[in-house]
Structures are given as C-alpha cells and as structure tokens.
Amino acid sequence: FCNNYLPMFGILFAFKKMNFSVGVLQSPWCGLQNFEFLFKTKDAWIMIRNTLLYNIVWIAMGTVIAVFIAILMAEISARPAAKVIQPIICFPSMISAVILSFIVYAFLSTNNGYINRALLGGDGINWYASAQYWPVILTIVHFWQCSGQSSVIYMASIGGIDKGLYEAAKIDGANKLKQIRYITLPLLKPTLLLGAVLLSVAYLQFFEESFVMTQGGPLDSTLSAAYYVYQKFGFGQYGIASAASWVLFIIIALVSVLQFRILKED
C-alpha cells in the first residue's frame, strides 16, 4: 500500500499548478497545460522514442540471445562443466547497477580507460561526450547483465519438454538443428510470448542503467521516460514530471494490452 498505491496520489500533480504554500488539494487546477508544455518540448519525443526503441531492441535481441544460451546450456546440462558455466553466466545479474557503472567506466574512461589506453594506444575517444556510441554501449551492457538470468526461464521450459520427442526425431533422421527448429522452438513459444509481456513492462520503466552510467546523456541519447520523471521531480517541476508519468503509464498499458491480445490468440 505504501510503495504502490499511496504515491498514486501524485497523479493529481499533472492537472494542478502546484503551490505548496496552500497544499496539493488547494492548488488551482490547470487542466492539460502541463501536458501541452511537455509536448511542446523536444524532451517528450526523445524520451518516448528512446523508451520504445530500447524496449523493442532489448526484447527482440535479448530473447534471441537468452534462448541461444538456454539451448546451449540444455545440451551440456548433464556435464559437470554446466555447474560452473551457469553461475558464471548468471553472475552479472547479481551485480549492483552502481558497481556495473564503475566497471563500464574502467573500460571507457577517456584518460585511464582500458579501451583508450590499451586498444587505441592513447588516442582515445571521449565516450561520455559522444552520443552516437551510447545506444550500442547501453544495449551491450544490458545484454551482458540480463541475458543469463533470462535464459534460466527458458532452460526450465526446455527441461520440461518430453525427451521422447527428441528420440523420435533422431530415429527419423533429424539432426540437432532440425530438432531445435521443429521441437524446441515451437514448444517454447508460449514461454517466449509470456516472457515478452513481462520483460516489456520492466524495460519500459528502465531507469538504473540510464541513471548510474550516463544520467540520460550524452545529448539525451539514453534519456528514458522513467529517468525523465525522476529528473523533473528533482528540478521541482512536479506538474511536468507527473504528466510524463501519465505518458509512461499509457505507453505501458497499450503495449501490455496488445501483447496480452497476441498471447490470448496464440
């Protein structure tokens, strides 16, 4: 109640011209002026674009990588090496986002970063001032941190597939790739769709990566809707922040309804 429902009182901020000297309820109503101001700025379109594009790329490519890891791990699950490899793959998901940002900084620091000093011979790139690199960097870091954890769900689903299907496929002459194509992937489809629904809700609210590594920059290349809300609250622009949170809520609701319809049809 305290974490999820009580803060929803703040949705009134989007329709109020806040005056804390008289309180929230006594502050004058301003209709949709906060929304109008929000969409007159370029920030609204940037945060919506970034949030949707990162979500699409992370779900599409992340699912492929996670399923690939799950299939490989399922193939070696009976071997002793699997007990070592699986914890190593899942370990990044247990690292704090703050620690992760320091690891990234150790690679990308302009003066002392490993990439600039060891790989580029000192003639390095100012990574933290170059917007064009960060969509790729953030995506790589995200996959490194999250793919192993996501693969565990798919490994469990693969483990529940009847082994007799694979034995029958071998008798019919199907090689390993055909077994994956005609048995593993079709039977994994319900889990993939459900995973996409759950991940999209989480990824549309992505905040930590943007906050601890770049604070939405450089040049708003990693600005997400969730971070934009946090940023505006920090600046005391409560009406704009609340309006942006409404926009994020509507995006999440529409995406979730669409995905649940697809899941229901399948």
Protein backbone atom coordinates (compact mmCIF):
# COMPACT_ATOMS: atom_id res chain seq x y z
CA PHE A 1 0.00 0.00 0.00
CA CYS A 2 2.76 2.45 0.96
CA ASN A 3 5.00 1.71 -2.04
CA ASN A 4 2.46 1.20 -4.82
CA TYR A 5 -0.86 2.87 -4.02
CA LEU A 6 -0.21 5.80 -1.70
CA PRO A 7 2.19 7.52 -4.18
CA MET A 8 -0.58 7.41 -6.83
CA PHE A 9 -1.97 10.50 -5.10
CA GLY A 10 0.70 12.30 -7.10
CA ILE A 11 -1.23 11.83 -10.35
CA LEU A 12 -3.11 14.99 -9.36
CA PHE A 13 0.08 16.99 -9.90
CA ALA A 14 -0.36 16.65 -13.67
CA PHE A 15 -3.57 18.67 -13.54
CA LYS A 16 -2.53 21.20 -10.91
CA LYS A 17 -0.49 24.38 -10.83
CA MET A 18 1.38 23.41 -7.72
CA ASN A 19 1.56 25.85 -4.83
CA PHE A 20 2.91 24.09 -1.76
CA SER A 21 2.09 27.04 0.47
CA VAL A 22 -1.60 26.10 0.20
CA GLY A 23 -1.17 22.37 -0.35
CA VAL A 24 -1.91 19.99 -3.19
CA LEU A 25 -5.71 19.96 -2.89
CA GLN A 26 -5.97 23.75 -2.64
CA SER A 27 -3.62 24.41 -5.56
CA PRO A 28 -5.50 25.68 -8.64
CA TRP A 29 -6.43 23.28 -11.42
CA CYS A 30 -4.70 23.92 -14.75
CA GLY A 31 -6.35 21.32 -16.95
CA LEU A 32 -3.99 19.87 -19.55
CA GLN A 33 -1.49 22.74 -19.51
CA ASN A 34 1.30 20.53 -18.12
CA PHE A 35 0.75 18.05 -20.96
CA GLU A 36 0.74 20.86 -23.51
CA PHE A 37 4.01 22.22 -22.15
CA LEU A 38 5.53 18.73 -22.11
CA PHE A 39 4.73 18.00 -25.75
CA LYS A 40 5.93 21.42 -26.90
CA THR A 41 9.44 20.45 -25.81
CA LYS A 42 11.69 18.08 -27.70
CA ASP A 43 12.24 16.10 -24.50
CA ALA A 44 8.84 14.39 -24.78
CA TRP A 45 9.55 12.88 -28.17
CA ILE A 46 13.12 11.97 -27.24
CA MET A 47 12.09 10.08 -24.10
CA ILE A 48 9.23 8.29 -25.88
CA ARG A 49 11.48 7.36 -28.81
CA ASN A 50 14.27 6.10 -26.58
CA THR A 51 11.95 4.17 -24.30
CA LEU A 52 10.18 2.38 -27.17
CA LEU A 53 13.28 1.70 -29.27
CA TYR A 54 15.34 0.38 -26.37
CA ASN A 55 12.37 -1.79 -25.37
CA ILE A 56 11.98 -3.24 -28.88
CA VAL A 57 15.69 -3.95 -29.34
CA TRP A 58 16.18 -5.37 -25.85
CA ILE A 59 13.20 -7.72 -26.11
CA ALA A 60 13.91 -8.89 -29.67
CA MET A 61 17.68 -9.36 -29.46
CA GLY A 62 17.63 -10.23 -25.76
CA THR A 63 15.17 -13.07 -26.33
CA VAL A 64 17.29 -14.49 -29.15
CA ILE A 65 20.45 -14.36 -27.00
CA ALA A 66 18.70 -15.83 -23.94
CA VAL A 67 17.15 -18.68 -25.94
CA PHE A 68 20.52 -19.38 -27.58
CA ILE A 69 22.19 -19.60 -24.16
CA ALA A 70 19.35 -21.77 -22.82
CA ILE A 71 19.64 -24.24 -25.70
CA LEU A 72 23.42 -24.47 -25.29
CA MET A 73 23.09 -24.98 -21.54
CA ALA A 74 20.39 -27.62 -22.05
CA GLU A 75 22.78 -29.54 -24.29
CA ILE A 76 25.50 -29.66 -21.64
CA SER A 77 23.25 -29.83 -18.58
CA ALA A 78 24.35 -33.37 -17.75
CA ARG A 79 28.04 -32.47 -17.83
CA PRO A 80 29.95 -31.29 -14.73
CA ALA A 81 31.03 -28.13 -16.56
CA ALA A 82 27.42 -26.90 -16.56
CA LYS A 83 27.57 -26.42 -12.79
CA VAL A 84 30.38 -23.91 -13.30
CA ILE A 85 29.25 -22.23 -16.52
CA GLN A 86 25.68 -21.49 -15.43
CA PRO A 87 26.64 -19.50 -12.28
CA ILE A 88 29.20 -17.54 -14.32
CA ILE A 89 26.55 -16.62 -16.90
CA CYS A 90 24.04 -15.59 -14.23
CA PHE A 91 26.54 -13.71 -12.05
CA PRO A 92 26.26 -10.32 -13.85
CA SER A 93 22.56 -10.10 -12.97
CA MET A 94 23.54 -10.09 -9.28
CA ILE A 95 25.86 -7.09 -9.68
CA SER A 96 24.61 -3.73 -8.44
CA ALA A 97 23.98 -1.15 -11.15
CA VAL A 98 26.41 1.17 -9.34
CA ILE A 99 29.19 -1.41 -9.47
CA LEU A 100 28.31 -2.06 -13.10
CA SER A 101 28.75 1.63 -13.90
CA PHE A 102 32.26 1.57 -12.39
CA ILE A 103 33.15 -1.48 -14.48
CA VAL A 104 31.95 0.31 -17.62
CA TYR A 105 33.87 3.44 -16.60
CA ALA A 106 37.04 1.38 -16.17
CA PHE A 107 36.75 0.43 -19.84
CA LEU A 108 35.57 3.78 -21.23
CA SER A 109 37.35 6.43 -19.16
CA THR A 110 38.93 8.96 -21.52
CA ASN A 111 42.29 9.13 -19.75
CA ASN A 112 42.68 5.79 -17.97
CA GLY A 113 40.11 3.50 -19.60
CA TYR A 114 41.26 0.13 -20.88
CA ILE A 115 39.90 0.70 -24.40
CA ASN A 116 41.55 4.08 -24.88
CA ARG A 117 44.91 3.19 -23.32
CA ALA A 118 45.38 -0.44 -24.31
CA LEU A 119 43.42 -0.84 -27.52
CA LEU A 120 43.53 2.65 -29.06
CA GLY A 121 47.07 3.49 -27.99
CA GLY A 122 46.18 6.59 -26.03
CA ASP A 123 44.45 8.34 -28.96
CA GLY A 124 41.12 7.59 -27.42
CA ILE A 125 37.52 8.60 -27.78
CA ASN A 126 35.69 10.77 -25.30
CA TRP A 127 32.98 8.14 -24.84
CA TYR A 128 30.99 10.09 -22.26
CA ALA A 129 30.62 13.05 -24.63
CA SER A 130 29.80 11.05 -27.79
CA ALA A 131 26.09 10.38 -28.11
CA GLN A 132 26.32 8.05 -31.12
CA TYR A 133 28.02 5.26 -29.16
CA TRP A 134 25.75 5.01 -26.15
CA PRO A 135 22.72 3.23 -27.62
CA VAL A 136 25.10 0.41 -28.59
CA ILE A 137 27.08 0.53 -25.33
CA LEU A 138 23.96 0.52 -23.17
CA THR A 139 22.49 -2.36 -25.17
CA ILE A 140 25.68 -4.46 -24.87
CA VAL A 141 25.89 -3.82 -21.12
CA HIS A 142 22.21 -4.69 -20.71
CA PHE A 143 22.58 -8.00 -22.56
CA TRP A 144 25.69 -8.88 -20.56
CA GLN A 145 23.84 -8.25 -17.31
CA CYS A 146 20.42 -9.72 -18.09
CA SER A 147 20.73 -12.48 -20.70
CA GLY A 148 21.98 -15.12 -18.30
CA GLN A 149 19.13 -14.57 -15.86
CA SER A 150 16.54 -14.61 -18.65
CA SER A 151 17.97 -17.83 -20.05
CA VAL A 152 17.20 -19.66 -16.80
CA ILE A 153 13.45 -19.35 -17.51
CA TYR A 154 13.85 -20.80 -20.98
CA MET A 155 16.13 -23.56 -19.68
CA ALA A 156 13.37 -24.63 -17.29
CA SER A 157 10.88 -24.75 -20.17
CA ILE A 158 13.26 -26.74 -22.36
CA GLY A 159 13.84 -29.15 -19.48
CA GLY A 160 10.09 -29.82 -19.36
CA ILE A 161 9.87 -30.93 -23.00
CA ASP A 162 9.22 -34.63 -23.43
CA LYS A 163 12.56 -36.29 -24.28
CA GLY A 164 10.67 -38.88 -26.28
CA LEU A 165 10.05 -36.26 -28.97
CA TYR A 166 13.78 -35.83 -29.46
CA GLU A 167 14.33 -39.59 -29.55
CA ALA A 168 11.63 -39.96 -32.19
CA ALA A 169 13.19 -37.13 -34.21
CA LYS A 170 16.60 -38.85 -34.08
CA ILE A 171 15.08 -42.08 -35.36
CA ASP A 172 13.53 -40.13 -38.25
CA GLY A 173 16.95 -38.73 -39.11
CA ALA A 174 16.57 -35.19 -37.75
CA ASN A 175 19.85 -33.57 -36.79
CA LYS A 176 20.27 -31.24 -33.82
CA LEU A 177 19.33 -28.07 -35.75
CA LYS A 178 16.11 -29.64 -37.03
CA GLN A 179 15.24 -30.81 -33.53
CA ILE A 180 15.63 -27.25 -32.28
CA ARG A 181 13.63 -25.81 -35.19
CA TYR A 182 10.71 -28.26 -35.15
CA ILE A 183 10.54 -29.29 -31.49
CA THR A 184 12.28 -26.89 -29.10
CA LEU A 185 11.24 -23.54 -30.55
CA PRO A 186 7.55 -24.37 -31.24
CA LEU A 187 7.09 -25.80 -27.74
CA LEU A 188 8.95 -22.83 -26.27
CA LYS A 189 6.65 -20.30 -27.98
CA PRO A 190 4.16 -19.81 -25.07
CA THR A 191 7.04 -19.10 -22.68
CA LEU A 192 8.59 -16.69 -25.19
CA LEU A 193 5.36 -14.73 -25.54
CA LEU A 194 4.77 -14.57 -21.79
CA GLY A 195 8.38 -13.54 -21.25
CA ALA A 196 8.00 -10.75 -23.81
CA VAL A 197 4.98 -9.39 -21.92
CA LEU A 198 6.75 -9.40 -18.56
CA LEU A 199 10.01 -8.01 -19.92
CA SER A 200 8.34 -5.20 -21.85
CA VAL A 201 6.71 -3.86 -18.67
CA ALA A 202 10.10 -3.89 -16.95
CA TYR A 203 12.09 -2.47 -19.87
CA LEU A 204 9.64 0.36 -20.50
CA GLN A 205 10.48 1.53 -16.99
CA PHE A 206 14.24 1.16 -17.35
CA PHE A 207 15.99 3.67 -15.12
CA GLU A 208 19.08 2.33 -13.37
CA GLU A 209 21.27 1.93 -16.45
CA SER A 210 20.49 5.44 -17.64
CA PHE A 211 20.91 6.97 -14.18
CA VAL A 212 24.15 5.43 -12.93
CA MET A 213 26.09 5.38 -16.20
CA THR A 214 25.13 8.49 -18.17
CA GLN A 215 22.34 10.34 -16.32
CA GLY A 216 20.34 10.43 -19.54
CA GLY A 217 23.18 11.72 -21.70
CA PRO A 218 25.20 12.41 -23.61
CA LEU A 219 22.82 14.64 -25.58
CA ASP A 220 19.79 12.71 -24.25
CA SER A 221 20.87 9.55 -26.10
CA THR A 222 19.95 7.39 -23.07
CA LEU A 223 17.11 9.51 -21.70
CA SER A 224 14.24 7.22 -20.72
CA ALA A 225 10.74 8.16 -19.63
CA ALA A 226 11.35 6.89 -16.10
CA TYR A 227 14.57 8.88 -15.76
CA TYR A 228 12.87 11.97 -17.21
CA VAL A 229 10.20 11.75 -14.49
CA TYR A 230 12.90 11.44 -11.82
CA GLN A 231 14.85 14.34 -13.35
CA LYS A 232 11.87 16.70 -13.39
CA PHE A 233 10.90 15.83 -9.83
CA GLY A 234 14.48 16.65 -8.84
CA PHE A 235 14.15 20.06 -10.51
CA GLY A 236 10.88 20.72 -8.65
CA GLN A 237 8.80 20.58 -11.84
CA TYR A 238 6.16 18.32 -10.32
CA GLY A 239 3.44 19.02 -12.85
CA ILE A 240 5.66 18.15 -15.83
CA ALA A 241 7.01 15.08 -14.03
CA SER A 242 3.50 13.83 -13.26
CA ALA A 243 2.40 14.47 -16.86
CA ALA A 244 5.39 12.45 -18.10
CA SER A 245 4.48 9.62 -15.72
CA TRP A 246 0.98 9.60 -17.23
CA VAL A 247 2.53 9.28 -20.70
CA LEU A 248 4.69 6.37 -19.50
CA PHE A 249 1.66 4.69 -17.91
CA ILE A 250 -0.35 4.98 -21.14
CA ILE A 251 2.54 3.51 -23.18
CA ILE A 252 2.90 0.57 -20.79
CA ALA A 253 -0.86 -0.04 -20.76
CA LEU A 254 -1.16 -0.01 -24.57
CA VAL A 255 1.86 -2.28 -25.07
CA SER A 256 0.64 -4.69 -22.38
CA VAL A 257 -2.89 -4.90 -23.81
CA LEU A 258 -1.50 -5.52 -27.30
CA GLN A 259 0.82 -8.25 -26.07
CA PHE A 260 -1.88 -9.93 -23.97
CA ARG A 261 -4.16 -10.00 -27.02
CA ILE A 262 -1.41 -11.68 -29.02
CA LEU A 263 -0.79 -14.11 -26.15
CA LYS A 264 -4.50 -14.92 -25.89
CA GLU A 265 -4.83 -15.57 -29.63
CA ASP A 266 -1.87 -17.94 -29.52
